[in-house]
Structures are given as C-alpha cells and as structure tokens.
Amino acid sequence: MIEPLLLTRSFGVAHFASILGVVAVVETTGQILSPTIAGAIFDATGSYDWALVMFSAAIGASFVLFWVASRLPRPVIPEPELAPETAAGLSDPAPRAAVEGTPDS
C-alpha cells in the first residue's frame, strides 16, 4: 500500500506505470530467488542463520531505500507554454466571419 504512494510522491505520475512495472519485476525476482538461496544456504550450513541474516539485510536495505525515496523532492510538472499570439492576448488573426466560404460571409 505504501509503495505506490511513495513512488508517485517521489517520481510523479507521468511515468508511474513504467516505474511500478520495474519495481514489480525486481520484487518478483527476489520472491522467486530468495527461497532457493535460503535452501542452498541451509544445505551448505545445516542452519537457517545466514538465510535470516540475508533476509534481515534485504529488509534493512528496503527501509533505507524507502526512506531515501520519501526524502526526494517532489517532481514539478511544468506549465505548458502558450503560443506567442495567445500569450499576447491576440486571438485568431482572421475572424471566422471574414474568411471566404464560411456561412456567415
């Protein structure tokens, strides 16, 4: 629940879907590999102690990364620039009624 909120706060909504997709791929890769690595650690050492150290380090790293992401400045969406005619207060240079072929002429 907090992850999408921090992602939008840190990176904005312009590329939210792409960023969330990359985060989901990284998370899924970790969820697939971590039990395999923990099993290999157990087979090699006969204990889950180092696997728990690995999981604790991963949780600590995620806390640090979320803290850093929450401290990033919010992205600013620039306002679109107006065309020079519109910015000067001028409208269409030729009024519609004066254009040949229109029903009003």
C-alpha atoms as a PDB file:
ATOM      1  CA  MET A   1       0.000   0.000   0.000  1.00  0.00           C
ATOM      2  CA  ILE A   2       2.752   2.486   0.831  1.00  0.00           C
ATOM      3  CA  GLU A   3       4.908   1.585  -2.156  1.00  0.00           C
ATOM      4  CA  PRO A   4       2.708   3.125  -4.906  1.00  0.00           C
ATOM      5  CA  LEU A   5       2.176   6.202  -2.750  1.00  0.00           C
ATOM      6  CA  LEU A   6       5.910   6.718  -2.298  1.00  0.00           C
ATOM      7  CA  LEU A   7       6.548   6.070  -5.984  1.00  0.00           C
ATOM      8  CA  THR A   8       4.059   8.729  -7.073  1.00  0.00           C
ATOM      9  CA  ARG A   9       5.362  11.160  -4.470  1.00  0.00           C
ATOM     10  CA  SER A  10       8.978  10.606  -5.479  1.00  0.00           C
ATOM     11  CA  PHE A  11       8.693  10.304  -9.253  1.00  0.00           C
ATOM     12  CA  GLY A  12       5.302  11.806 -10.139  1.00  0.00           C
ATOM     13  CA  VAL A  13       2.535  10.209 -12.135  1.00  0.00           C
ATOM     14  CA  ALA A  14       3.898  10.815 -15.637  1.00  0.00           C
ATOM     15  CA  HIS A  15       5.792   7.501 -15.749  1.00  0.00           C
ATOM     16  CA  PHE A  16       4.138   5.767 -12.798  1.00  0.00           C
ATOM     17  CA  ALA A  17       3.125   2.618 -14.686  1.00  0.00           C
ATOM     18  CA  SER A  18       6.620   2.042 -16.071  1.00  0.00           C
ATOM     19  CA  ILE A  19       8.295   2.627 -12.709  1.00  0.00           C
ATOM     20  CA  LEU A  20       5.819   0.390 -10.873  1.00  0.00           C
ATOM     21  CA  GLY A  21       6.361  -2.303 -13.519  1.00  0.00           C
ATOM     22  CA  VAL A  22      10.127  -2.258 -12.979  1.00  0.00           C
ATOM     23  CA  VAL A  23       9.658  -2.361  -9.207  1.00  0.00           C
ATOM     24  CA  ALA A  24       7.270  -5.314  -9.547  1.00  0.00           C
ATOM     25  CA  VAL A  25       9.775  -7.230 -11.710  1.00  0.00           C
ATOM     26  CA  VAL A  26      12.546  -6.662  -9.157  1.00  0.00           C
ATOM     27  CA  GLU A  27      10.264  -7.698  -6.279  1.00  0.00           C
ATOM     28  CA  THR A  28       9.063 -10.814  -8.098  1.00  0.00           C
ATOM     29  CA  THR A  29      12.629 -11.805  -8.913  1.00  0.00           C
ATOM     30  CA  GLY A  30      13.506 -11.509  -5.229  1.00  0.00           C
ATOM     31  CA  GLN A  31      10.462 -13.518  -4.212  1.00  0.00           C
ATOM     32  CA  ILE A  32      11.407 -16.282  -6.632  1.00  0.00           C
ATOM     33  CA  LEU A  33      15.113 -16.410  -5.828  1.00  0.00           C
ATOM     34  CA  SER A  34      15.105 -15.903  -2.055  1.00  0.00           C
ATOM     35  CA  PRO A  35      13.632 -19.309  -1.075  1.00  0.00           C
ATOM     36  CA  THR A  36      16.067 -21.032  -3.441  1.00  0.00           C
ATOM     37  CA  ILE A  37      19.021 -19.151  -1.966  1.00  0.00           C
ATOM     38  CA  ALA A  38      17.776 -19.825   1.587  1.00  0.00           C
ATOM     39  CA  GLY A  39      17.525 -23.550   0.765  1.00  0.00           C
ATOM     40  CA  ALA A  40      21.045 -23.524  -0.655  1.00  0.00           C
ATOM     41  CA  ILE A  41      22.305 -21.803   2.498  1.00  0.00           C
ATOM     42  CA  PHE A  42      20.571 -24.415   4.637  1.00  0.00           C
ATOM     43  CA  ASP A  43      22.024 -27.258   2.560  1.00  0.00           C
ATOM     44  CA  ALA A  44      25.516 -25.795   2.841  1.00  0.00           C
ATOM     45  CA  THR A  45      25.468 -24.883   6.537  1.00  0.00           C
ATOM     46  CA  GLY A  46      22.724 -27.032   8.081  1.00  0.00           C
ATOM     47  CA  SER A  47      21.156 -23.902   9.577  1.00  0.00           C
ATOM     48  CA  TYR A  48      18.963 -21.031   8.506  1.00  0.00           C
ATOM     49  CA  ASP A  49      21.040 -18.478  10.439  1.00  0.00           C
ATOM     50  CA  TRP A  50      22.725 -16.955   7.381  1.00  0.00           C
ATOM     51  CA  ALA A  51      19.455 -17.012   5.466  1.00  0.00           C
ATOM     52  CA  LEU A  52      17.878 -14.966   8.253  1.00  0.00           C
ATOM     53  CA  VAL A  53      20.843 -12.576   8.080  1.00  0.00           C
ATOM     54  CA  MET A  54      20.264 -12.277   4.317  1.00  0.00           C
ATOM     55  CA  PHE A  55      16.539 -11.577   4.812  1.00  0.00           C
ATOM     56  CA  SER A  56      17.267  -9.055   7.579  1.00  0.00           C
ATOM     57  CA  ALA A  57      19.767  -7.260   5.325  1.00  0.00           C
ATOM     58  CA  ALA A  58      17.199  -7.147   2.497  1.00  0.00           C
ATOM     59  CA  ILE A  59      14.542  -5.694   4.818  1.00  0.00           C
ATOM     60  CA  GLY A  60      17.038  -3.148   6.160  1.00  0.00           C
ATOM     61  CA  ALA A  61      18.024  -2.147   2.625  1.00  0.00           C
ATOM     62  CA  SER A  62      14.362  -1.732   1.647  1.00  0.00           C
ATOM     63  CA  PHE A  63      13.730   0.508   4.673  1.00  0.00           C
ATOM     64  CA  VAL A  64      16.707   2.658   3.711  1.00  0.00           C
ATOM     65  CA  LEU A  65      15.594   2.875   0.071  1.00  0.00           C
ATOM     66  CA  PHE A  66      12.027   3.818   1.051  1.00  0.00           C
ATOM     67  CA  TRP A  67      13.359   6.439   3.452  1.00  0.00           C
ATOM     68  CA  VAL A  68      15.558   7.907   0.704  1.00  0.00           C
ATOM     69  CA  ALA A  69      12.619   7.849  -1.733  1.00  0.00           C
ATOM     70  CA  SER A  70      10.392   9.633   0.762  1.00  0.00           C
ATOM     71  CA  ARG A  71      13.005  12.396   1.154  1.00  0.00           C
ATOM     72  CA  LEU A  72      13.379  13.115  -2.569  1.00  0.00           C
ATOM     73  CA  PRO A  73      11.923  16.432  -3.718  1.00  0.00           C
ATOM     74  CA  ARG A  74       8.526  16.186  -5.329  1.00  0.00           C
ATOM     75  CA  PRO A  75       8.598  16.429  -9.113  1.00  0.00           C
ATOM     76  CA  VAL A  76       7.258  19.626 -10.602  1.00  0.00           C
ATOM     77  CA  ILE A  77       5.061  19.415 -13.657  1.00  0.00           C
ATOM     78  CA  PRO A  78       5.924  22.360 -15.904  1.00  0.00           C
ATOM     79  CA  GLU A  79       3.088  24.504 -17.183  1.00  0.00           C
ATOM     80  CA  PRO A  80       2.692  24.369 -20.962  1.00  0.00           C
ATOM     81  CA  GLU A  81       3.966  27.461 -22.707  1.00  0.00           C
ATOM     82  CA  LEU A  82       1.451  29.426 -24.723  1.00  0.00           C
ATOM     83  CA  ALA A  83       1.987  30.334 -28.353  1.00  0.00           C
ATOM     84  CA  PRO A  84       3.214  33.932 -28.856  1.00  0.00           C
ATOM     85  CA  GLU A  85      -0.155  35.069 -30.306  1.00  0.00           C
ATOM     86  CA  THR A  86      -2.088  33.610 -27.396  1.00  0.00           C
ATOM     87  CA  ALA A  87       0.360  34.939 -24.838  1.00  0.00           C
ATOM     88  CA  ALA A  88      -0.008  38.500 -26.235  1.00  0.00           C
ATOM     89  CA  GLY A  89      -3.778  38.302 -25.922  1.00  0.00           C
ATOM     90  CA  LEU A  90      -4.365  38.039 -29.646  1.00  0.00           C
ATOM     91  CA  SER A  91      -6.794  35.528 -30.967  1.00  0.00           C
ATOM     92  CA  ASP A  92      -7.073  34.025 -34.409  1.00  0.00           C
ATOM     93  CA  PRO A  93      -5.600  36.609 -36.852  1.00  0.00           C
ATOM     94  CA  ALA A  94      -8.553  36.260 -39.252  1.00  0.00           C
ATOM     95  CA  PRO A  95     -12.035  36.236 -37.736  1.00  0.00           C
ATOM     96  CA  ARG A  96     -14.179  33.366 -38.948  1.00  0.00           C
ATOM     97  CA  ALA A  97     -16.840  35.612 -40.463  1.00  0.00           C
ATOM     98  CA  ALA A  98     -14.259  37.337 -42.690  1.00  0.00           C
ATOM     99  CA  VAL A  99     -12.912  34.102 -44.150  1.00  0.00           C
ATOM    100  CA  GLU A 100     -14.290  33.328 -47.589  1.00  0.00           C
ATOM    101  CA  GLY A 101     -16.503  30.314 -47.886  1.00  0.00           C
ATOM    102  CA  THR A 102     -17.933  30.401 -44.392  1.00  0.00           C
ATOM    103  CA  PRO A 103     -21.719  30.534 -43.947  1.00  0.00           C
ATOM    104  CA  ASP A 104     -21.541  33.934 -42.194  1.00  0.00           C
ATOM    105  CA  SER A 105     -19.920  35.785 -45.117  1.00  0.00           C
END
